[in-house]
Amino acid sequence: MKLQAEVSLYPLRTNELSSPIDAFYNSMSRTGVTLAPGRMSTLIRGDSAQVFEAIQRAFSEVAEKYQVVLIVKLSNACPEPEEGADG
C-alpha cells in the first residue's frame, strides 16, 4: 500500500534547532522514500513499510542524541503529485 506522511520534528531544550532537524531529514533520505521538505514539515511518500521504517529509524537516531517531539499524519488517500509539480 502506498502512503503519504507529513512529519514535523520539534527539538526541545536546545538552542540549536537545525542540527536535530537536519539529522532527522538526512536519516530519512537514506531509506529510499520520496521526501518533499517544507518550512514547517516534510512530506514522505512511499510503500507503507518504507515510510514506517524511515520514520522509525530517523526518530530513533535523533532521539538518542536530542529531546524531540515528532508529529506524524498518515494517509493512504492523498493523491500522488503530478509529474513536475511541487510536492
N, C-alpha and C. Protein backbone atom coordinates (compact mmCIF):
# COMPACT_ATOMS: atom_id res chain seq x y z
N MET A 1 0.84 -1.17 0.00
CA MET A 1 0.00 0.00 0.00
C MET A 1 0.89 1.24 0.00
N LYS A 2 0.53 2.21 -0.81
CA LYS A 2 1.26 3.48 -0.85
C LYS A 2 0.73 4.41 0.24
N LEU A 3 1.64 5.12 0.89
CA LEU A 3 1.29 6.07 1.94
C LEU A 3 1.95 7.42 1.68
N GLN A 4 1.33 8.42 2.26
CA GLN A 4 1.98 9.73 2.38
C GLN A 4 1.91 10.12 3.85
N ALA A 5 3.01 10.60 4.37
CA ALA A 5 3.06 11.07 5.75
C ALA A 5 3.55 12.50 5.75
N GLU A 6 3.01 13.28 6.66
CA GLU A 6 3.52 14.63 6.91
C GLU A 6 4.12 14.60 8.31
N VAL A 7 5.39 14.94 8.42
CA VAL A 7 6.08 14.88 9.71
C VAL A 7 6.64 16.25 10.07
N SER A 8 6.56 16.56 11.35
CA SER A 8 7.16 17.78 11.90
C SER A 8 7.93 17.39 13.14
N LEU A 9 9.21 17.74 13.17
CA LEU A 9 10.06 17.44 14.31
C LEU A 9 10.33 18.73 15.08
N TYR A 10 10.12 18.69 16.38
CA TYR A 10 10.32 19.85 17.24
C TYR A 10 11.37 19.53 18.30
N PRO A 11 12.58 20.07 18.17
CA PRO A 11 13.61 19.87 19.18
C PRO A 11 13.25 20.63 20.46
N LEU A 12 13.54 20.02 21.60
CA LEU A 12 13.27 20.61 22.90
C LEU A 12 14.58 20.84 23.65
N ARG A 13 14.56 21.81 24.54
CA ARG A 13 15.68 22.07 25.46
C ARG A 13 17.02 22.25 24.76
N THR A 14 16.98 22.96 23.61
CA THR A 14 18.21 23.26 22.89
C THR A 14 18.04 24.56 22.13
N ASN A 15 19.12 25.29 21.98
CA ASN A 15 19.11 26.50 21.16
C ASN A 15 19.46 26.18 19.71
N GLU A 16 19.97 24.98 19.47
CA GLU A 16 20.39 24.56 18.14
C GLU A 16 19.27 23.73 17.51
N LEU A 17 18.38 24.38 16.78
CA LEU A 17 17.24 23.69 16.20
C LEU A 17 17.57 22.95 14.91
N SER A 18 18.47 23.49 14.11
CA SER A 18 18.71 22.91 12.80
C SER A 18 19.44 21.56 12.85
N SER A 19 20.30 21.35 13.82
CA SER A 19 21.06 20.09 13.87
C SER A 19 20.15 18.86 14.01
N PRO A 20 19.22 18.82 14.97
CA PRO A 20 18.36 17.64 15.06
C PRO A 20 17.43 17.50 13.87
N ILE A 21 16.95 18.61 13.33
CA ILE A 21 16.06 18.54 12.17
C ILE A 21 16.83 18.03 10.96
N ASP A 22 18.03 18.53 10.74
CA ASP A 22 18.86 18.05 9.63
C ASP A 22 19.20 16.57 9.79
N ALA A 23 19.52 16.15 11.01
CA ALA A 23 19.84 14.74 11.26
C ALA A 23 18.64 13.85 10.95
N PHE A 24 17.45 14.29 11.35
CA PHE A 24 16.22 13.53 11.07
C PHE A 24 16.00 13.41 9.57
N TYR A 25 16.08 14.52 8.86
CA TYR A 25 15.87 14.51 7.41
C TYR A 25 16.92 13.65 6.71
N ASN A 26 18.18 13.80 7.08
CA ASN A 26 19.25 13.02 6.45
C ASN A 26 19.07 11.53 6.67
N SER A 27 18.61 11.15 7.85
CA SER A 27 18.36 9.74 8.12
C SER A 27 17.24 9.21 7.22
N MET A 28 16.17 9.98 7.09
CA MET A 28 15.06 9.54 6.22
C MET A 28 15.49 9.47 4.76
N SER A 29 16.37 10.35 4.35
CA SER A 29 16.78 10.38 2.94
C SER A 29 17.57 9.14 2.54
N ARG A 30 18.12 8.42 3.50
CA ARG A 30 18.88 7.20 3.20
C ARG A 30 18.01 5.95 3.11
N THR A 31 16.69 6.10 3.20
CA THR A 31 15.82 4.93 3.24
C THR A 31 15.09 4.63 1.94
N GLY A 32 15.19 5.49 0.94
CA GLY A 32 14.54 5.23 -0.34
C GLY A 32 13.15 5.80 -0.49
N VAL A 33 12.64 6.51 0.52
CA VAL A 33 11.34 7.16 0.38
C VAL A 33 11.50 8.47 -0.37
N THR A 34 10.41 8.99 -0.89
CA THR A 34 10.42 10.29 -1.56
C THR A 34 10.14 11.36 -0.51
N LEU A 35 11.00 12.38 -0.46
CA LEU A 35 10.86 13.45 0.53
C LEU A 35 10.59 14.77 -0.17
N ALA A 36 9.71 15.57 0.44
CA ALA A 36 9.43 16.92 -0.04
C ALA A 36 9.46 17.84 1.18
N PRO A 37 10.63 18.48 1.44
CA PRO A 37 10.73 19.33 2.61
C PRO A 37 9.96 20.63 2.44
N GLY A 38 9.40 21.10 3.54
CA GLY A 38 8.71 22.38 3.58
C GLY A 38 9.23 23.19 4.74
N ARG A 39 8.64 24.34 4.97
CA ARG A 39 9.10 25.21 6.05
C ARG A 39 8.77 24.66 7.43
N MET A 40 7.62 24.01 7.56
CA MET A 40 7.18 23.54 8.87
C MET A 40 7.07 22.02 8.96
N SER A 41 7.16 21.33 7.83
CA SER A 41 7.02 19.87 7.85
C SER A 41 7.65 19.30 6.59
N THR A 42 7.74 17.98 6.56
CA THR A 42 8.24 17.26 5.40
C THR A 42 7.22 16.21 5.00
N LEU A 43 6.96 16.11 3.70
CA LEU A 43 6.09 15.05 3.18
C LEU A 43 6.97 13.86 2.80
N ILE A 44 6.51 12.69 3.17
CA ILE A 44 7.21 11.44 2.88
C ILE A 44 6.25 10.57 2.09
N ARG A 45 6.69 10.06 0.96
CA ARG A 45 5.85 9.17 0.15
C ARG A 45 6.59 7.88 -0.13
N GLY A 46 5.82 6.80 -0.16
CA GLY A 46 6.41 5.52 -0.50
C GLY A 46 5.52 4.38 -0.08
N ASP A 47 6.05 3.19 -0.21
CA ASP A 47 5.37 1.99 0.25
C ASP A 47 5.23 2.07 1.77
N SER A 48 4.14 1.55 2.30
CA SER A 48 3.88 1.69 3.73
C SER A 48 5.05 1.19 4.59
N ALA A 49 5.65 0.07 4.24
CA ALA A 49 6.77 -0.45 5.02
C ALA A 49 7.95 0.51 4.99
N GLN A 50 8.23 1.10 3.83
CA GLN A 50 9.33 2.06 3.71
C GLN A 50 9.07 3.31 4.54
N VAL A 51 7.85 3.82 4.47
CA VAL A 51 7.50 5.05 5.20
C VAL A 51 7.63 4.82 6.70
N PHE A 52 7.06 3.74 7.20
CA PHE A 52 7.14 3.46 8.63
C PHE A 52 8.59 3.22 9.07
N GLU A 53 9.35 2.51 8.26
CA GLU A 53 10.75 2.25 8.61
C GLU A 53 11.55 3.55 8.63
N ALA A 54 11.33 4.42 7.64
CA ALA A 54 12.05 5.69 7.58
C ALA A 54 11.77 6.54 8.80
N ILE A 55 10.51 6.63 9.19
CA ILE A 55 10.13 7.43 10.35
C ILE A 55 10.72 6.83 11.63
N GLN A 56 10.60 5.53 11.79
CA GLN A 56 11.09 4.87 13.00
C GLN A 56 12.61 5.01 13.12
N ARG A 57 13.32 4.77 12.03
CA ARG A 57 14.78 4.86 12.06
C ARG A 57 15.23 6.28 12.36
N ALA A 58 14.66 7.25 11.66
CA ALA A 58 15.07 8.64 11.85
C ALA A 58 14.77 9.11 13.27
N PHE A 59 13.59 8.76 13.79
CA PHE A 59 13.25 9.16 15.15
C PHE A 59 14.20 8.53 16.16
N SER A 60 14.46 7.25 16.02
CA SER A 60 15.36 6.56 16.95
C SER A 60 16.75 7.18 16.95
N GLU A 61 17.28 7.47 15.77
CA GLU A 61 18.62 8.06 15.68
C GLU A 61 18.67 9.44 16.33
N VAL A 62 17.67 10.27 16.07
CA VAL A 62 17.67 11.62 16.60
C VAL A 62 17.39 11.62 18.11
N ALA A 63 16.49 10.74 18.55
CA ALA A 63 16.12 10.69 19.97
C ALA A 63 17.25 10.18 20.84
N GLU A 64 18.23 9.49 20.26
CA GLU A 64 19.40 9.06 21.02
C GLU A 64 20.22 10.25 21.49
N LYS A 65 20.20 11.33 20.72
CA LYS A 65 21.06 12.47 20.98
C LYS A 65 20.30 13.71 21.47
N TYR A 66 19.05 13.86 21.07
CA TYR A 66 18.27 15.07 21.38
C TYR A 66 16.93 14.70 22.00
N GLN A 67 16.36 15.64 22.72
CA GLN A 67 14.98 15.51 23.18
C GLN A 67 14.10 16.17 22.12
N VAL A 68 13.13 15.43 21.59
CA VAL A 68 12.33 15.92 20.47
C VAL A 68 10.87 15.48 20.61
N VAL A 69 10.02 16.19 19.89
CA VAL A 69 8.63 15.79 19.70
C VAL A 69 8.45 15.59 18.20
N LEU A 70 7.83 14.50 17.80
CA LEU A 70 7.57 14.22 16.40
C LEU A 70 6.06 14.12 16.19
N ILE A 71 5.54 14.94 15.28
CA ILE A 71 4.13 14.91 14.91
C ILE A 71 4.05 14.24 13.54
N VAL A 72 3.19 13.22 13.41
CA VAL A 72 3.06 12.48 12.16
C VAL A 72 1.59 12.38 11.77
N LYS A 73 1.31 12.73 10.53
CA LYS A 73 -0.02 12.49 9.94
C LYS A 73 0.18 11.53 8.78
N LEU A 74 -0.63 10.47 8.73
CA LEU A 74 -0.52 9.45 7.69
C LEU A 74 -1.79 9.40 6.86
N SER A 75 -1.63 9.13 5.56
CA SER A 75 -2.80 8.99 4.70
C SER A 75 -2.52 7.97 3.61
N ASN A 76 -3.52 7.16 3.32
CA ASN A 76 -3.45 6.28 2.15
C ASN A 76 -4.36 6.82 1.05
N ALA A 77 -4.92 8.02 1.25
CA ALA A 77 -5.86 8.60 0.30
C ALA A 77 -5.32 9.84 -0.41
N CYS A 78 -4.16 10.33 -0.03
CA CYS A 78 -3.60 11.51 -0.69
C CYS A 78 -3.10 11.12 -2.07
N PRO A 79 -3.45 11.91 -3.07
CA PRO A 79 -3.01 11.57 -4.43
C PRO A 79 -1.51 11.80 -4.59
N GLU A 80 -0.93 11.06 -5.50
CA GLU A 80 0.47 11.26 -5.86
C GLU A 80 0.57 12.59 -6.59
N PRO A 81 1.65 13.33 -6.40
CA PRO A 81 1.80 14.60 -7.13
C PRO A 81 1.97 14.34 -8.62
N GLU A 82 1.50 15.29 -9.42
CA GLU A 82 1.66 15.16 -10.87
C GLU A 82 3.11 15.34 -11.23
N GLU A 83 3.53 14.73 -12.34
CA GLU A 83 4.90 14.84 -12.83
C GLU A 83 5.26 16.30 -12.97
N GLY A 84 6.37 16.71 -12.36
CA GLY A 84 6.86 18.07 -12.48
C GLY A 84 6.22 19.05 -11.51
N ALA A 85 5.21 18.62 -10.75
CA ALA A 85 4.56 19.51 -9.78
C ALA A 85 5.34 19.51 -8.47
N ASP A 86 5.32 20.64 -7.78
CA ASP A 86 5.95 20.72 -6.47
C ASP A 86 5.09 19.97 -5.48
N GLY A 87 5.79 19.30 -4.52
CA GLY A 87 5.12 18.46 -3.70
C GLY A 87 4.55 18.47 -2.47
